[in-house]
Amino acid sequence: MIADRAQVETLLRSLTAQQRAALVLRYWFDLEHSEIAAELGVAPGTARSLVSRGLQAARAQNTKPEASHER
């Protein structure tokens, strides 16, 4: 579980620029994949992949032992 804003920022910084942009557009601005594609200048399938892979990368980063605040 993500504890705070600083942790979210750290997770976002660990992503590629396109993954970060896709996630921000999807979850902060609530855009559909077709709208994300238009904003990023990519195909809709690519936008979907960027969101999916960005989430996977963020989850993987968040589950690393050093990312956990529990002891």
Foldseek 3Di string as FASTA:
>chain_A
DDDDDVLVVVLLVVADPLLSQLQCCCPVVVDQLCVSCVVVVHDSVVSVVSPVVSVVSSVVVCPPPVNDPDD
